[in-house]
């Protein structure tokens, strides 16, 4: 009896095994990080700093926690990235008038002058990741990735 796969397979002990989803996700992540890193040369930002800055720009006045949630980063990683942006005076933290414990993050004038090519880069990277997918496929991919994230969060916690 011949076993078949409809997608890419490899053999384990003579059996055709489908390429693991986790392996594909990890490969996509590595390629995205490499694309970001290569295109950020000359901008003086790490990938995490870049995405944090882009998200602070897009969600003006967000808190650190909100940025971490948008980026699906843990709070310490988001804090490290934002701290570097604060040190470089690309972002400023302002008090929240409705909650004195919360700081709101905003891009500075210095960052605004650097943002146009970074916005284009963000759009290029986001577009490249879904190039060739229909709107329906893109929506389905997002839904499926959210399910995978929820499955793994249920296993180990967010």
Foldseek 3Di string as FASTA:
>chain_A
DDDDDPADFDDDPRDTDDDDPVVVVVVLVVVLLVLQVVVCVVVPAHPLLLLLLVVCAVVPFDFLVVSCVVVVHDSVSSVVSVVVCVVVQQKDWDADPVDRVTTTIHGDPVNVVVCPVSVVSVVVSVCVSQPPPDPVRVVVVVVVVVVVVVVVCVVPND
